[in-house]
Amino acid sequence: MAATVVRYLRSVGSPTSAAAAPDPLPGGALPRPDLRAVRDDERAPVGPAEFRAVLGNFASGVTVITAPAGDGTGGPAGFACQSFASLSLDPPLVTFMVARTSTTWPRIARAGVFCVNILGAGQGALCRSFAVSGADKFAGVSHRPAPATGSPLLAAVPAWIDCRIHAVHTGGDHLIVVGRVEALGAAGEGDPLLFHQGRFGRFTP
């Protein structure tokens, strides 16, 4: 998977290692390690079931990461993502994590851009539709192009963040994708969709 990501990022002109060409964005970027496979000493001394059970106690918001259709891709790309966070104010950066085995990520990497759609409390069904592999995830889903990148901005989401891929780092069996924010917006109303211990919920003050 790492080699695939390197090829895609090179095809859109993004550097993939510290030895690559300087970052084209204003201010540049810190050196980054080469993408590589997971080493044995990176594997945690705990089982996957225990790991999921304990980490499931951390409640998070839920997003859908989308990217515009590219040549020969057959349509836009998107997947449900729980592992999203803000990263930096100056420059404005956000990050999300994606499994190396994801079939959607290579299409996002090829596009070089993405939109983070932050889901609201009533959008659990929308999240589930984007969590299914191999389906037409955009069937019946209303969206419009995000202003900076043209990535799908889903209708009725409480907030959205339109980004260009800034860097990609390794994180065990996942990739850590850093995006530079080009545009964003929020409706300023509505409760967030929360995920806790394998279930959706809502914020109760």
C-alpha atoms as a PDB file:
ATOM      1  CA  MET A   1       0.000   0.000   0.000  1.00  0.00           C
ATOM      2  CA  ALA A   2       2.848   2.398   0.845  1.00  0.00           C
ATOM      3  CA  ALA A   3       4.297   2.075  -2.651  1.00  0.00           C
ATOM      4  CA  THR A   4       0.868   2.786  -4.145  1.00  0.00           C
ATOM      5  CA  VAL A   5       0.524   5.969  -2.086  1.00  0.00           C
ATOM      6  CA  VAL A   6       3.976   7.137  -3.136  1.00  0.00           C
ATOM      7  CA  ARG A   7       3.084   6.662  -6.822  1.00  0.00           C
ATOM      8  CA  TYR A   8      -0.193   8.542  -6.455  1.00  0.00           C
ATOM      9  CA  LEU A   9       1.333  11.444  -4.560  1.00  0.00           C
ATOM     10  CA  ARG A  10       4.133  11.739  -7.108  1.00  0.00           C
ATOM     11  CA  SER A  11       1.527  11.819  -9.881  1.00  0.00           C
ATOM     12  CA  VAL A  12      -0.075  14.915  -8.320  1.00  0.00           C
ATOM     13  CA  GLY A  13       3.266  16.575  -7.613  1.00  0.00           C
ATOM     14  CA  SER A  14       3.314  16.099  -3.828  1.00  0.00           C
ATOM     15  CA  PRO A  15       6.602  15.213  -2.088  1.00  0.00           C
ATOM     16  CA  THR A  16       6.728  11.842  -0.337  1.00  0.00           C
ATOM     17  CA  SER A  17       9.945  12.042   1.686  1.00  0.00           C
ATOM     18  CA  ALA A  18      12.449  14.432   3.175  1.00  0.00           C
ATOM     19  CA  ALA A  19      14.685  13.887   0.136  1.00  0.00           C
ATOM     20  CA  ALA A  20      11.951  14.959  -2.280  1.00  0.00           C
ATOM     21  CA  ALA A  21      11.555  18.399  -3.780  1.00  0.00           C
ATOM     22  CA  PRO A  22      10.691  21.234  -1.367  1.00  0.00           C
ATOM     23  CA  ASP A  23       7.050  21.557  -0.386  1.00  0.00           C
ATOM     24  CA  PRO A  24       5.311  23.927  -2.833  1.00  0.00           C
ATOM     25  CA  LEU A  25       3.056  25.437  -0.171  1.00  0.00           C
ATOM     26  CA  PRO A  26       3.989  28.806   1.406  1.00  0.00           C
ATOM     27  CA  GLY A  27       6.296  28.346   4.358  1.00  0.00           C
ATOM     28  CA  GLY A  28       7.282  24.813   3.313  1.00  0.00           C
ATOM     29  CA  ALA A  29       6.924  21.755   5.497  1.00  0.00           C
ATOM     30  CA  LEU A  30       9.095  19.906   7.978  1.00  0.00           C
ATOM     31  CA  PRO A  31      11.101  16.921   6.683  1.00  0.00           C
ATOM     32  CA  ARG A  32       9.115  13.720   6.748  1.00  0.00           C
ATOM     33  CA  PRO A  33      10.180  10.045   6.770  1.00  0.00           C
ATOM     34  CA  ASP A  34       9.864   7.777   3.756  1.00  0.00           C
ATOM     35  CA  LEU A  35       6.646   5.767   3.664  1.00  0.00           C
ATOM     36  CA  ARG A  36       7.483   2.226   4.750  1.00  0.00           C
ATOM     37  CA  ALA A  37       5.948  -1.066   5.854  1.00  0.00           C
ATOM     38  CA  VAL A  38       5.079  -1.894   9.480  1.00  0.00           C
ATOM     39  CA  ARG A  39       8.012  -3.342  11.407  1.00  0.00           C
ATOM     40  CA  ASP A  40       7.673  -6.106  13.996  1.00  0.00           C
ATOM     41  CA  ASP A  41       8.807  -3.748  16.784  1.00  0.00           C
ATOM     42  CA  GLU A  42       5.890  -1.422  15.986  1.00  0.00           C
ATOM     43  CA  ARG A  43       3.284  -4.017  16.901  1.00  0.00           C
ATOM     44  CA  ALA A  44       1.655  -3.388  20.294  1.00  0.00           C
ATOM     45  CA  PRO A  45       1.939  -6.104  22.987  1.00  0.00           C
ATOM     46  CA  VAL A  46      -1.879  -6.253  23.282  1.00  0.00           C
ATOM     47  CA  GLY A  47      -4.509  -8.099  21.279  1.00  0.00           C
ATOM     48  CA  PRO A  48      -6.707  -6.302  18.738  1.00  0.00           C
ATOM     49  CA  ALA A  49      -9.930  -7.138  20.629  1.00  0.00           C
ATOM     50  CA  GLU A  50      -8.641  -5.674  23.897  1.00  0.00           C
ATOM     51  CA  PHE A  51      -7.257  -2.650  22.077  1.00  0.00           C
ATOM     52  CA  ARG A  52     -10.623  -1.918  20.421  1.00  0.00           C
ATOM     53  CA  ALA A  53     -12.565  -2.479  23.668  1.00  0.00           C
ATOM     54  CA  VAL A  54     -10.454  -0.054  25.681  1.00  0.00           C
ATOM     55  CA  LEU A  55     -10.131   2.629  22.986  1.00  0.00           C
ATOM     56  CA  GLY A  56     -13.879   2.366  22.374  1.00  0.00           C
ATOM     57  CA  ASN A  57     -14.366   4.268  25.633  1.00  0.00           C
ATOM     58  CA  PHE A  58     -13.146   7.402  23.892  1.00  0.00           C
ATOM     59  CA  ALA A  59     -16.134   9.173  22.330  1.00  0.00           C
ATOM     60  CA  SER A  60     -15.505  10.924  19.030  1.00  0.00           C
ATOM     61  CA  GLY A  61     -17.287  12.812  16.330  1.00  0.00           C
ATOM     62  CA  VAL A  62     -17.930  11.238  12.927  1.00  0.00           C
ATOM     63  CA  THR A  63     -17.030  12.542   9.480  1.00  0.00           C
ATOM     64  CA  VAL A  64     -17.251  11.548   5.832  1.00  0.00           C
ATOM     65  CA  ILE A  65     -14.090  12.251   3.825  1.00  0.00           C
ATOM     66  CA  THR A  66     -14.822  12.896   0.139  1.00  0.00           C
ATOM     67  CA  ALA A  67     -12.817  13.601  -3.012  1.00  0.00           C
ATOM     68  CA  PRO A  68     -13.885  14.538  -6.549  1.00  0.00           C
ATOM     69  CA  ALA A  69     -14.021  12.065  -9.391  1.00  0.00           C
ATOM     70  CA  GLY A  70     -10.828  11.634 -11.363  1.00  0.00           C
ATOM     71  CA  ASP A  71     -10.132  10.326 -14.841  1.00  0.00           C
ATOM     72  CA  GLY A  72     -11.391   6.762 -15.121  1.00  0.00           C
ATOM     73  CA  THR A  73     -12.508   6.467 -11.478  1.00  0.00           C
ATOM     74  CA  GLY A  74     -16.222   6.224 -12.244  1.00  0.00           C
ATOM     75  CA  GLY A  75     -17.346   8.871  -9.764  1.00  0.00           C
ATOM     76  CA  PRO A  76     -16.401  10.687  -6.562  1.00  0.00           C
ATOM     77  CA  ALA A  77     -14.780   8.895  -3.640  1.00  0.00           C
ATOM     78  CA  GLY A  78     -15.772   8.894   0.013  1.00  0.00           C
ATOM     79  CA  PHE A  79     -15.571   6.949   3.263  1.00  0.00           C
ATOM     80  CA  ALA A  80     -16.785   7.272   6.854  1.00  0.00           C
ATOM     81  CA  CYS A  81     -14.000   8.390   9.176  1.00  0.00           C
ATOM     82  CA  GLN A  82     -13.949   8.529  12.958  1.00  0.00           C
ATOM     83  CA  SER A  83     -10.218   9.315  13.210  1.00  0.00           C
ATOM     84  CA  PHE A  84     -10.226  13.031  12.397  1.00  0.00           C
ATOM     85  CA  ALA A  85      -8.765  15.983  14.306  1.00  0.00           C
ATOM     86  CA  SER A  86      -7.578  19.556  13.971  1.00  0.00           C
ATOM     87  CA  LEU A  87      -3.777  19.784  13.903  1.00  0.00           C
ATOM     88  CA  SER A  88      -2.503  23.353  13.483  1.00  0.00           C
ATOM     89  CA  LEU A  89      -3.789  26.923  13.454  1.00  0.00           C
ATOM     90  CA  ASP A  90      -0.815  28.444  11.617  1.00  0.00           C
ATOM     91  CA  PRO A  91      -0.801  27.136   8.967  1.00  0.00           C
ATOM     92  CA  PRO A  92      -4.367  25.755   9.183  1.00  0.00           C
ATOM     93  CA  LEU A  93      -3.977  21.970   9.108  1.00  0.00           C
ATOM     94  CA  VAL A  94      -6.253  19.024   9.876  1.00  0.00           C
ATOM     95  CA  THR A  95      -5.547  15.299   9.918  1.00  0.00           C
ATOM     96  CA  PHE A  96      -7.349  12.021   9.421  1.00  0.00           C
ATOM     97  CA  MET A  97      -6.226   8.410   9.585  1.00  0.00           C
ATOM     98  CA  VAL A  98      -7.053   5.764   6.993  1.00  0.00           C
ATOM     99  CA  ALA A  99      -6.296   2.035   6.873  1.00  0.00           C
ATOM    100  CA  ARG A 100      -3.593   0.927   4.459  1.00  0.00           C
ATOM    101  CA  THR A 101      -6.097  -1.619   3.118  1.00  0.00           C
ATOM    102  CA  SER A 102      -8.649   1.059   2.173  1.00  0.00           C
ATOM    103  CA  THR A 103      -9.723   0.893  -1.463  1.00  0.00           C
ATOM    104  CA  THR A 104     -10.997   4.495  -1.310  1.00  0.00           C
ATOM    105  CA  TRP A 105      -7.791   6.121  -0.107  1.00  0.00           C
ATOM    106  CA  PRO A 106      -5.804   5.609  -3.361  1.00  0.00           C
ATOM    107  CA  ARG A 107      -8.496   7.558  -5.221  1.00  0.00           C
ATOM    108  CA  ILE A 108      -8.298  10.406  -2.684  1.00  0.00           C
ATOM    109  CA  ALA A 109      -4.499  10.352  -2.904  1.00  0.00           C
ATOM    110  CA  ARG A 110      -4.702  10.562  -6.685  1.00  0.00           C
ATOM    111  CA  ALA A 111      -7.073  13.547  -6.452  1.00  0.00           C
ATOM    112  CA  GLY A 112      -4.716  15.317  -4.038  1.00  0.00           C
ATOM    113  CA  VAL A 113      -7.663  17.031  -2.319  1.00  0.00           C
ATOM    114  CA  PHE A 114     -10.503  16.155   0.052  1.00  0.00           C
ATOM    115  CA  CYS A 115     -13.436  17.596   1.971  1.00  0.00           C
ATOM    116  CA  VAL A 116     -14.184  16.687   5.584  1.00  0.00           C
ATOM    117  CA  ASN A 117     -17.962  16.526   6.086  1.00  0.00           C
ATOM    118  CA  ILE A 118     -18.730  16.683   9.825  1.00  0.00           C
ATOM    119  CA  LEU A 119     -21.933  14.752  10.466  1.00  0.00           C
ATOM    120  CA  GLY A 120     -24.865  15.810  12.620  1.00  0.00           C
ATOM    121  CA  ALA A 121     -26.849  13.800  15.167  1.00  0.00           C
ATOM    122  CA  GLY A 122     -29.478  12.708  12.645  1.00  0.00           C
ATOM    123  CA  GLN A 123     -27.021  11.468  10.029  1.00  0.00           C
ATOM    124  CA  GLY A 124     -26.193   8.004  11.349  1.00  0.00           C
ATOM    125  CA  ALA A 125     -27.717   6.349   8.288  1.00  0.00           C
ATOM    126  CA  LEU A 126     -25.577   8.555   6.023  1.00  0.00           C
ATOM    127  CA  CYS A 127     -22.480   7.473   7.936  1.00  0.00           C
ATOM    128  CA  ARG A 128     -23.397   3.788   7.562  1.00  0.00           C
ATOM    129  CA  SER A 129     -23.837   4.174   3.818  1.00  0.00           C
ATOM    130  CA  PHE A 130     -20.305   5.533   3.494  1.00  0.00           C
ATOM    131  CA  ALA A 131     -18.906   2.772   5.716  1.00  0.00           C
ATOM    132  CA  VAL A 132     -19.896   0.040   3.236  1.00  0.00           C
ATOM    133  CA  SER A 133     -17.135  -1.168   0.938  1.00  0.00           C
ATOM    134  CA  GLY A 134     -17.807  -1.659  -2.758  1.00  0.00           C
ATOM    135  CA  ALA A 135     -21.217   0.052  -2.850  1.00  0.00           C
ATOM    136  CA  ASP A 136     -22.245   3.201  -4.738  1.00  0.00           C
ATOM    137  CA  LYS A 137     -21.916   5.384  -1.667  1.00  0.00           C
ATOM    138  CA  PHE A 138     -23.211   8.526  -3.360  1.00  0.00           C
ATOM    139  CA  ALA A 139     -26.452   6.958  -4.645  1.00  0.00           C
ATOM    140  CA  GLY A 140     -29.295   9.211  -3.550  1.00  0.00           C
ATOM    141  CA  VAL A 141     -26.951  11.502  -1.584  1.00  0.00           C
ATOM    142  CA  SER A 142     -27.320  15.202  -2.353  1.00  0.00           C
ATOM    143  CA  HIS A 143     -24.050  17.124  -2.615  1.00  0.00           C
ATOM    144  CA  ARG A 144     -22.401  20.069  -4.323  1.00  0.00           C
ATOM    145  CA  PRO A 145     -18.755  20.895  -5.114  1.00  0.00           C
ATOM    146  CA  ALA A 146     -16.764  22.381  -2.230  1.00  0.00           C
ATOM    147  CA  PRO A 147     -15.537  25.865  -3.214  1.00  0.00           C
ATOM    148  CA  ALA A 148     -11.757  25.330  -3.255  1.00  0.00           C
ATOM    149  CA  THR A 149     -11.262  21.746  -4.425  1.00  0.00           C
ATOM    150  CA  GLY A 150     -14.548  20.606  -5.949  1.00  0.00           C
ATOM    151  CA  SER A 151     -14.759  17.703  -3.503  1.00  0.00           C
ATOM    152  CA  PRO A 152     -18.321  16.614  -2.667  1.00  0.00           C
ATOM    153  CA  LEU A 153     -19.832  18.744   0.084  1.00  0.00           C
ATOM    154  CA  LEU A 154     -22.728  16.688   1.457  1.00  0.00           C
ATOM    155  CA  ALA A 155     -26.085  18.372   1.965  1.00  0.00           C
ATOM    156  CA  ALA A 156     -27.195  19.360   5.466  1.00  0.00           C
ATOM    157  CA  VAL A 157     -23.903  18.658   7.261  1.00  0.00           C
ATOM    158  CA  PRO A 158     -23.326  20.971  10.254  1.00  0.00           C
ATOM    159  CA  ALA A 159     -19.784  21.835   9.128  1.00  0.00           C
ATOM    160  CA  TRP A 160     -17.241  21.134   6.384  1.00  0.00           C
ATOM    161  CA  ILE A 161     -13.507  21.645   5.778  1.00  0.00           C
ATOM    162  CA  ASP A 162     -12.112  21.786   2.223  1.00  0.00           C
ATOM    163  CA  CYS A 163      -8.448  20.729   1.988  1.00  0.00           C
ATOM    164  CA  ARG A 164      -5.456  19.891  -0.158  1.00  0.00           C
ATOM    165  CA  ILE A 165      -3.180  17.013   0.846  1.00  0.00           C
ATOM    166  CA  HIS A 166      -0.184  18.506   2.645  1.00  0.00           C
ATOM    167  CA  ALA A 167       1.666  15.383   3.831  1.00  0.00           C
ATOM    168  CA  VAL A 168       1.222  11.651   4.389  1.00  0.00           C
ATOM    169  CA  HIS A 169       2.956   9.775   7.225  1.00  0.00           C
ATOM    170  CA  THR A 170       2.984   6.152   8.337  1.00  0.00           C
ATOM    171  CA  GLY A 171       1.183   5.017  11.483  1.00  0.00           C
ATOM    172  CA  GLY A 172       1.381   1.247  11.808  1.00  0.00           C
ATOM    173  CA  ASP A 173      -1.427  -0.316   9.777  1.00  0.00           C
ATOM    174  CA  HIS A 174      -2.823   3.160   9.001  1.00  0.00           C
ATOM    175  CA  LEU A 175      -1.669   6.241   7.120  1.00  0.00           C
ATOM    176  CA  ILE A 176      -1.786   9.690   8.727  1.00  0.00           C
ATOM    177  CA  VAL A 177      -3.021  12.208   6.170  1.00  0.00           C
ATOM    178  CA  VAL A 178      -2.439  15.906   6.804  1.00  0.00           C
ATOM    179  CA  GLY A 179      -4.554  18.411   4.908  1.00  0.00           C
ATOM    180  CA  ARG A 180      -4.038  22.137   4.458  1.00  0.00           C
ATOM    181  CA  VAL A 181      -7.352  23.965   4.850  1.00  0.00           C
ATOM    182  CA  GLU A 182      -8.380  26.021   1.811  1.00  0.00           C
ATOM    183  CA  ALA A 183     -11.985  26.801   2.803  1.00  0.00           C
ATOM    184  CA  LEU A 184     -14.456  25.849   5.525  1.00  0.00           C
ATOM    185  CA  GLY A 185     -17.882  26.641   6.864  1.00  0.00           C
ATOM    186  CA  ALA A 186     -20.480  25.766   9.491  1.00  0.00           C
ATOM    187  CA  ALA A 187     -24.232  26.059   9.862  1.00  0.00           C
ATOM    188  CA  GLY A 188     -23.820  26.992  13.525  1.00  0.00           C
ATOM    189  CA  GLU A 189     -26.684  24.820  14.707  1.00  0.00           C
ATOM    190  CA  GLY A 190     -27.553  21.195  15.425  1.00  0.00           C
ATOM    191  CA  ASP A 191     -26.014  18.527  17.640  1.00  0.00           C
ATOM    192  CA  PRO A 192     -23.033  16.449  16.485  1.00  0.00           C
ATOM    193  CA  LEU A 193     -23.145  12.749  15.669  1.00  0.00           C
ATOM    194  CA  LEU A 194     -21.079  10.923  18.295  1.00  0.00           C
ATOM    195  CA  PHE A 195     -19.571   7.430  18.259  1.00  0.00           C
ATOM    196  CA  HIS A 196     -18.941   5.541  21.515  1.00  0.00           C
ATOM    197  CA  GLN A 197     -18.368   1.836  22.186  1.00  0.00           C
ATOM    198  CA  GLY A 198     -19.574   0.843  18.725  1.00  0.00           C
ATOM    199  CA  ARG A 199     -22.792   2.906  18.829  1.00  0.00           C
ATOM    200  CA  PHE A 200     -23.975   6.267  17.576  1.00  0.00           C
ATOM    201  CA  GLY A 201     -25.250   8.823  20.069  1.00  0.00           C
ATOM    202  CA  ARG A 202     -25.832  12.519  20.586  1.00  0.00           C
ATOM    203  CA  PHE A 203     -24.579  15.205  22.948  1.00  0.00           C
ATOM    204  CA  THR A 204     -26.823  15.885  25.950  1.00  0.00           C
ATOM    205  CA  PRO A 205     -25.946  19.029  27.967  1.00  0.00           C
END
